[in-house]
C-alpha atoms as a PDB file:
ATOM      1  CA  UNK A   1      -3.121  20.207   8.036  1.00  0.00           C
ATOM      2  CA  UNK A   2      -1.364  17.424   5.995  1.00  0.00           C
ATOM      3  CA  UNK A   3      -1.181  13.756   6.550  1.00  0.00           C
ATOM      4  CA  UNK A   4       2.366  12.849   7.976  1.00  0.00           C
ATOM      5  CA  UNK A   5       2.104   8.972   8.095  1.00  0.00           C
ATOM      6  CA  UNK A   6      -0.040   5.894   7.822  1.00  0.00           C
ATOM      7  CA  UNK A   7       0.290   2.887   9.885  1.00  0.00           C
ATOM      8  CA  UNK A   8      -0.661  -0.458   8.729  1.00  0.00           C
ATOM      9  CA  UNK A   9      -0.910  -3.430  11.137  1.00  0.00           C
ATOM     10  CA  UNK A  10       0.893  -6.462  10.388  1.00  0.00           C
ATOM     11  CA  UNK A  11       1.086 -10.090  12.226  1.00  0.00           C
ATOM     12  CA  UNK A  12       4.276 -10.977  10.413  1.00  0.00           C
ATOM     13  CA  UNK A  13       6.296  -7.814   9.648  1.00  0.00           C
ATOM     14  CA  UNK A  14       9.020  -9.766   7.831  1.00  0.00           C
ATOM     15  CA  UNK A  15       6.762 -11.335   5.439  1.00  0.00           C
ATOM     16  CA  UNK A  16       4.979  -7.787   4.756  1.00  0.00           C
ATOM     17  CA  UNK A  17       8.463  -6.298   4.516  1.00  0.00           C
ATOM     18  CA  UNK A  18       8.935  -8.550   1.510  1.00  0.00           C
ATOM     19  CA  UNK A  19       5.512  -7.695  -0.027  1.00  0.00           C
ATOM     20  CA  UNK A  20       5.968  -3.736   0.314  1.00  0.00           C
ATOM     21  CA  UNK A  21       9.758  -3.919  -0.887  1.00  0.00           C
ATOM     22  CA  UNK A  22       8.365  -5.495  -4.145  1.00  0.00           C
ATOM     23  CA  UNK A  23       5.292  -3.031  -4.514  1.00  0.00           C
ATOM     24  CA  UNK A  24       6.157   0.357  -3.256  1.00  0.00           C
ATOM     25  CA  UNK A  25       9.376   1.122  -5.385  1.00  0.00           C
ATOM     26  CA  UNK A  26       7.104   0.705  -8.562  1.00  0.00           C
ATOM     27  CA  UNK A  27       5.394   3.898  -7.369  1.00  0.00           C
ATOM     28  CA  UNK A  28       8.205   5.749  -6.162  1.00  0.00           C
ATOM     29  CA  UNK A  29       8.556   4.619  -2.599  1.00  0.00           C
ATOM     30  CA  UNK A  30      11.393   3.413  -0.658  1.00  0.00           C
ATOM     31  CA  UNK A  31      12.296   1.668   2.671  1.00  0.00           C
ATOM     32  CA  UNK A  32      13.843   4.146   5.099  1.00  0.00           C
ATOM     33  CA  UNK A  33      14.035   2.206   8.345  1.00  0.00           C
ATOM     34  CA  UNK A  34      13.480  -1.417   9.597  1.00  0.00           C
ATOM     35  CA  UNK A  35      13.019  -2.637  13.178  1.00  0.00           C
ATOM     36  CA  UNK A  36      12.321  -6.217  12.388  1.00  0.00           C
ATOM     37  CA  UNK A  37      10.416  -8.224  13.917  1.00  0.00           C
ATOM     38  CA  UNK A  38       8.395  -5.251  14.881  1.00  0.00           C
ATOM     39  CA  UNK A  39       8.266  -2.486  12.111  1.00  0.00           C
ATOM     40  CA  UNK A  40       9.275  -1.177   8.778  1.00  0.00           C
ATOM     41  CA  UNK A  41       8.925   2.322   7.559  1.00  0.00           C
ATOM     42  CA  UNK A  42       8.549   3.579   3.755  1.00  0.00           C
ATOM     43  CA  UNK A  43       9.042   6.909   2.410  1.00  0.00           C
ATOM     44  CA  UNK A  44       6.725   7.976  -0.529  1.00  0.00           C
ATOM     45  CA  UNK A  45       7.132  10.842  -2.945  1.00  0.00           C
ATOM     46  CA  UNK A  46       6.626  14.071  -1.132  1.00  0.00           C
ATOM     47  CA  UNK A  47       7.980  12.686   2.111  1.00  0.00           C
ATOM     48  CA  UNK A  48       4.927  11.003   3.540  1.00  0.00           C
ATOM     49  CA  UNK A  49       5.480   7.677   5.267  1.00  0.00           C
ATOM     50  CA  UNK A  50       3.834   4.386   5.472  1.00  0.00           C
ATOM     51  CA  UNK A  51       4.654   2.341   8.683  1.00  0.00           C
ATOM     52  CA  UNK A  52       4.206  -1.524   8.812  1.00  0.00           C
ATOM     53  CA  UNK A  53       4.207  -2.696  12.274  1.00  0.00           C
ATOM     54  CA  UNK A  54       2.744  -5.157  14.961  1.00  0.00           C
ATOM     55  CA  UNK A  55       0.264  -3.326  17.048  1.00  0.00           C
ATOM     56  CA  UNK A  56       1.547  -1.612  20.169  1.00  0.00           C
ATOM     57  CA  UNK A  57      -1.109  -3.287  22.335  1.00  0.00           C
ATOM     58  CA  UNK A  58       0.336  -6.677  21.528  1.00  0.00           C
ATOM     59  CA  UNK A  59      -3.076  -8.077  20.135  1.00  0.00           C
ATOM     60  CA  UNK A  60      -3.477  -9.390  16.539  1.00  0.00           C
ATOM     61  CA  UNK A  61      -3.515  -6.904  13.770  1.00  0.00           C
ATOM     62  CA  UNK A  62      -6.810  -6.860  11.909  1.00  0.00           C
ATOM     63  CA  UNK A  63      -7.796  -4.932   8.787  1.00  0.00           C
ATOM     64  CA  UNK A  64     -10.536  -2.682   9.053  1.00  0.00           C
ATOM     65  CA  UNK A  65     -13.720  -2.755   6.786  1.00  0.00           C
ATOM     66  CA  UNK A  66     -14.024   0.306   5.070  1.00  0.00           C
ATOM     67  CA  UNK A  67     -10.331   1.588   5.589  1.00  0.00           C
ATOM     68  CA  UNK A  68      -7.968   2.110   2.751  1.00  0.00           C
ATOM     69  CA  UNK A  69      -4.965   3.832   1.953  1.00  0.00           C
ATOM     70  CA  UNK A  70      -4.698   5.756  -1.595  1.00  0.00           C
ATOM     71  CA  UNK A  71      -1.277   5.800  -3.188  1.00  0.00           C
ATOM     72  CA  UNK A  72      -0.727   8.279  -5.858  1.00  0.00           C
ATOM     73  CA  UNK A  73       0.768   6.990  -9.013  1.00  0.00           C
ATOM     74  CA  UNK A  74       2.430   9.144 -11.705  1.00  0.00           C
ATOM     75  CA  UNK A  75       1.118   6.933 -14.568  1.00  0.00           C
ATOM     76  CA  UNK A  76      -1.224   4.536 -15.769  1.00  0.00           C
ATOM     77  CA  UNK A  77       1.937   2.353 -16.317  1.00  0.00           C
ATOM     78  CA  UNK A  78       2.789   2.587 -12.399  1.00  0.00           C
ATOM     79  CA  UNK A  79      -0.856   1.223 -11.514  1.00  0.00           C
ATOM     80  CA  UNK A  80      -0.851  -1.518 -14.262  1.00  0.00           C
ATOM     81  CA  UNK A  81       2.582  -2.580 -12.800  1.00  0.00           C
ATOM     82  CA  UNK A  82       2.400  -2.265  -8.876  1.00  0.00           C
ATOM     83  CA  UNK A  83      -1.009  -4.206  -8.992  1.00  0.00           C
ATOM     84  CA  UNK A  84       0.226  -7.614 -10.480  1.00  0.00           C
ATOM     85  CA  UNK A  85       3.502  -7.274  -8.547  1.00  0.00           C
ATOM     86  CA  UNK A  86       1.518  -7.320  -5.383  1.00  0.00           C
ATOM     87  CA  UNK A  87      -0.652 -10.254  -6.566  1.00  0.00           C
ATOM     88  CA  UNK A  88       2.565 -12.310  -7.300  1.00  0.00           C
ATOM     89  CA  UNK A  89       3.717 -11.590  -3.715  1.00  0.00           C
ATOM     90  CA  UNK A  90       0.745 -12.765  -2.211  1.00  0.00           C
ATOM     91  CA  UNK A  91      -1.691 -10.046  -2.075  1.00  0.00           C
ATOM     92  CA  UNK A  92      -5.458 -10.148  -2.858  1.00  0.00           C
ATOM     93  CA  UNK A  93      -7.024  -8.770  -5.892  1.00  0.00           C
ATOM     94  CA  UNK A  94      -9.574  -6.047  -4.665  1.00  0.00           C
ATOM     95  CA  UNK A  95      -9.931  -4.472  -8.354  1.00  0.00           C
ATOM     96  CA  UNK A  96      -7.952  -4.807 -11.479  1.00  0.00           C
ATOM     97  CA  UNK A  97      -6.454  -1.725 -13.208  1.00  0.00           C
ATOM     98  CA  UNK A  98      -9.115   0.196 -15.053  1.00  0.00           C
ATOM     99  CA  UNK A  99     -10.714   3.707 -15.385  1.00  0.00           C
ATOM    100  CA  UNK A 100     -13.196   4.550 -12.914  1.00  0.00           C
ATOM    101  CA  UNK A 101     -15.065   7.495 -14.514  1.00  0.00           C
ATOM    102  CA  UNK A 102     -17.856   7.439 -11.783  1.00  0.00           C
ATOM    103  CA  UNK A 103     -15.580   8.688  -9.384  1.00  0.00           C
ATOM    104  CA  UNK A 104     -13.924  11.521 -11.486  1.00  0.00           C
ATOM    105  CA  UNK A 105     -13.480  11.474 -15.134  1.00  0.00           C
ATOM    106  CA  UNK A 106      -9.625  10.881 -15.314  1.00  0.00           C
ATOM    107  CA  UNK A 107      -9.590   8.441 -12.610  1.00  0.00           C
ATOM    108  CA  UNK A 108      -7.452   5.332 -13.367  1.00  0.00           C
ATOM    109  CA  UNK A 109      -6.832   2.948 -10.506  1.00  0.00           C
ATOM    110  CA  UNK A 110      -6.654  -0.591  -8.994  1.00  0.00           C
ATOM    111  CA  UNK A 111      -7.110  -2.026  -5.527  1.00  0.00           C
ATOM    112  CA  UNK A 112      -5.142  -4.647  -3.540  1.00  0.00           C
ATOM    113  CA  UNK A 113      -5.209  -6.213  -0.385  1.00  0.00           C
ATOM    114  CA  UNK A 114      -1.643  -6.835   1.582  1.00  0.00           C
ATOM    115  CA  UNK A 115      -0.863 -10.016   3.531  1.00  0.00           C
ATOM    116  CA  UNK A 116      -2.717  -8.947   6.408  1.00  0.00           C
ATOM    117  CA  UNK A 117      -5.955  -7.685   4.466  1.00  0.00           C
ATOM    118  CA  UNK A 118      -5.165  -4.028   4.619  1.00  0.00           C
ATOM    119  CA  UNK A 119      -6.672  -2.475   1.500  1.00  0.00           C
ATOM    120  CA  UNK A 120      -4.883  -0.101  -0.787  1.00  0.00           C
ATOM    121  CA  UNK A 121      -5.555   1.608  -4.045  1.00  0.00           C
ATOM    122  CA  UNK A 122      -3.079   2.775  -6.558  1.00  0.00           C
ATOM    123  CA  UNK A 123      -4.524   5.844  -8.366  1.00  0.00           C
ATOM    124  CA  UNK A 124      -3.714   8.036 -11.369  1.00  0.00           C
ATOM    125  CA  UNK A 125      -5.483  11.182 -12.219  1.00  0.00           C
ATOM    126  CA  UNK A 126      -4.593  12.184 -15.605  1.00  0.00           C
END
């Protein structure tokens, strides 16, 4: 089994679109579909996708405590670039870029909350 896509809830897809348009290209992602004001889709390296959308049940989007999307980067530089771009676009700092050898010896990562509080990590293993 393989992961095909991740869906992140948003209460303002247009604002989220601007945020993800700035962050995801830094790690090899690109926007492939938009259905404003309801959804936007980004494709990552390897064909996996991230959808940012209003919830289908018409209730408010809310981030889940303990939920996180891990985004693979191809270098430390990508981690160190994506994180501050996300902060500049209104994201929240959940952990600065740094080595985290307690996870695995070659783990280098950073953590960021998007505009709706969805948490993501930028990870380079190398």
